[in-house]
């Protein structure tokens, strides 16, 4: 009988800890809010999109020129030199 009491006490302590642990996890998950708006990232995205559109329009002009292969090759070589 004496050896059963510590086992029962350990089981009860474990159940109490489990109960309070689950309760605290539920509180943390409910308090999620939306992050603040990042104006710097929005400006960067807009600049990247604008640059992309300009490059696409320039490539489109190159493909409609008299010598599209040469124009595209020149563009590729210039890009390769910039890196």
C-alpha atoms as a PDB file:
ATOM      1  CA  UNK A   1       0.000   0.000   0.000  1.00  0.00           C
ATOM      2  CA  UNK A   2       2.832   2.369   0.781  1.00  0.00           C
ATOM      3  CA  UNK A   3       4.389   1.978  -2.687  1.00  0.00           C
ATOM      4  CA  UNK A   4       1.097   2.837  -4.457  1.00  0.00           C
ATOM      5  CA  UNK A   5       0.703   6.332  -2.951  1.00  0.00           C
ATOM      6  CA  UNK A   6       3.747   7.905  -4.734  1.00  0.00           C
ATOM      7  CA  UNK A   7       2.631   6.392  -8.053  1.00  0.00           C
ATOM      8  CA  UNK A   8      -0.884   7.821  -7.694  1.00  0.00           C
ATOM      9  CA  UNK A   9       0.564  11.210  -6.706  1.00  0.00           C
ATOM     10  CA  UNK A  10       2.837  11.207  -9.767  1.00  0.00           C
ATOM     11  CA  UNK A  11      -0.083  10.318 -12.057  1.00  0.00           C
ATOM     12  CA  UNK A  12      -2.230  13.116 -10.586  1.00  0.00           C
ATOM     13  CA  UNK A  13       0.629  15.626 -10.919  1.00  0.00           C
ATOM     14  CA  UNK A  14       1.087  14.582 -14.550  1.00  0.00           C
ATOM     15  CA  UNK A  15      -2.628  15.011 -15.291  1.00  0.00           C
ATOM     16  CA  UNK A  16      -2.681  18.459 -13.688  1.00  0.00           C
ATOM     17  CA  UNK A  17       0.398  19.509 -15.687  1.00  0.00           C
ATOM     18  CA  UNK A  18      -1.154  18.154 -18.880  1.00  0.00           C
ATOM     19  CA  UNK A  19      -4.412  20.025 -18.224  1.00  0.00           C
ATOM     20  CA  UNK A  20      -2.696  23.368 -17.615  1.00  0.00           C
ATOM     21  CA  UNK A  21      -0.287  22.810 -20.518  1.00  0.00           C
ATOM     22  CA  UNK A  22      -3.125  22.324 -23.002  1.00  0.00           C
ATOM     23  CA  UNK A  23      -4.973  25.309 -21.594  1.00  0.00           C
ATOM     24  CA  UNK A  24      -1.952  27.597 -22.056  1.00  0.00           C
ATOM     25  CA  UNK A  25      -1.393  26.358 -25.639  1.00  0.00           C
ATOM     26  CA  UNK A  26      -4.953  27.260 -26.570  1.00  0.00           C
ATOM     27  CA  UNK A  27      -4.469  30.800 -25.280  1.00  0.00           C
ATOM     28  CA  UNK A  28      -1.312  31.324 -27.331  1.00  0.00           C
ATOM     29  CA  UNK A  29      -2.840  30.143 -30.592  1.00  0.00           C
ATOM     30  CA  UNK A  30      -5.896  32.394 -30.275  1.00  0.00           C
ATOM     31  CA  UNK A  31      -3.861  35.583 -29.919  1.00  0.00           C
ATOM     32  CA  UNK A  32      -2.550  35.630 -33.492  1.00  0.00           C
ATOM     33  CA  UNK A  33      -2.893  38.966 -35.232  1.00  0.00           C
ATOM     34  CA  UNK A  34      -1.990  40.095 -38.721  1.00  0.00           C
ATOM     35  CA  UNK A  35       1.525  41.416 -39.154  1.00  0.00           C
ATOM     36  CA  UNK A  36       1.999  45.115 -39.844  1.00  0.00           C
ATOM     37  CA  UNK A  37       2.151  46.236 -43.448  1.00  0.00           C
ATOM     38  CA  UNK A  38       5.715  46.457 -44.776  1.00  0.00           C
ATOM     39  CA  UNK A  39       5.933  49.593 -46.932  1.00  0.00           C
ATOM     40  CA  UNK A  40       9.545  48.971 -47.904  1.00  0.00           C
ATOM     41  CA  UNK A  41       8.753  45.544 -49.311  1.00  0.00           C
ATOM     42  CA  UNK A  42       5.783  46.945 -51.232  1.00  0.00           C
ATOM     43  CA  UNK A  43       7.983  49.627 -52.800  1.00  0.00           C
ATOM     44  CA  UNK A  44      10.583  47.010 -53.726  1.00  0.00           C
ATOM     45  CA  UNK A  45       7.966  44.764 -55.322  1.00  0.00           C
ATOM     46  CA  UNK A  46       6.626  47.671 -57.332  1.00  0.00           C
ATOM     47  CA  UNK A  47      10.120  48.613 -58.563  1.00  0.00           C
ATOM     48  CA  UNK A  48      10.901  45.013 -59.516  1.00  0.00           C
ATOM     49  CA  UNK A  49       7.602  44.691 -61.394  1.00  0.00           C
ATOM     50  CA  UNK A  50       8.202  47.962 -63.251  1.00  0.00           C
ATOM     51  CA  UNK A  51      11.743  46.906 -64.240  1.00  0.00           C
ATOM     52  CA  UNK A  52      10.437  43.552 -65.448  1.00  0.00           C
ATOM     53  CA  UNK A  53       7.770  45.186 -67.603  1.00  0.00           C
ATOM     54  CA  UNK A  54      10.323  47.588 -69.119  1.00  0.00           C
ATOM     55  CA  UNK A  55      12.683  44.725 -69.952  1.00  0.00           C
ATOM     56  CA  UNK A  56       9.884  42.691 -71.523  1.00  0.00           C
ATOM     57  CA  UNK A  57       8.843  45.632 -73.697  1.00  0.00           C
ATOM     58  CA  UNK A  58      12.466  46.158 -74.806  1.00  0.00           C
ATOM     59  CA  UNK A  59      12.797  42.491 -75.707  1.00  0.00           C
ATOM     60  CA  UNK A  60       9.520  42.691 -77.621  1.00  0.00           C
ATOM     61  CA  UNK A  61      10.912  45.654 -79.599  1.00  0.00           C
ATOM     62  CA  UNK A  62      14.084  43.647 -80.315  1.00  0.00           C
ATOM     63  CA  UNK A  63      12.098  40.700 -81.669  1.00  0.00           C
ATOM     64  CA  UNK A  64      10.198  43.020 -84.035  1.00  0.00           C
ATOM     65  CA  UNK A  65      13.324  44.777 -85.360  1.00  0.00           C
ATOM     66  CA  UNK A  66      15.032  44.142 -88.723  1.00  0.00           C
ATOM     67  CA  UNK A  67      17.636  41.805 -87.218  1.00  0.00           C
ATOM     68  CA  UNK A  68      16.098  40.250 -84.096  1.00  0.00           C
ATOM     69  CA  UNK A  69      18.842  37.667 -83.588  1.00  0.00           C
ATOM     70  CA  UNK A  70      21.560  40.315 -83.454  1.00  0.00           C
ATOM     71  CA  UNK A  71      19.507  42.620 -81.214  1.00  0.00           C
ATOM     72  CA  UNK A  72      18.791  39.822 -78.731  1.00  0.00           C
ATOM     73  CA  UNK A  73      22.424  38.680 -78.813  1.00  0.00           C
ATOM     74  CA  UNK A  74      23.595  42.227 -78.085  1.00  0.00           C
ATOM     75  CA  UNK A  75      21.143  42.462 -75.184  1.00  0.00           C
ATOM     76  CA  UNK A  76      22.356  39.132 -73.771  1.00  0.00           C
ATOM     77  CA  UNK A  77      26.002  40.148 -74.088  1.00  0.00           C
ATOM     78  CA  UNK A  78      25.364  43.476 -72.367  1.00  0.00           C
ATOM     79  CA  UNK A  79      23.608  41.700 -69.530  1.00  0.00           C
ATOM     80  CA  UNK A  80      26.445  39.210 -69.211  1.00  0.00           C
ATOM     81  CA  UNK A  81      28.969  42.061 -68.911  1.00  0.00           C
ATOM     82  CA  UNK A  82      26.948  43.779 -66.143  1.00  0.00           C
ATOM     83  CA  UNK A  83      27.186  40.755 -63.859  1.00  0.00           C
END
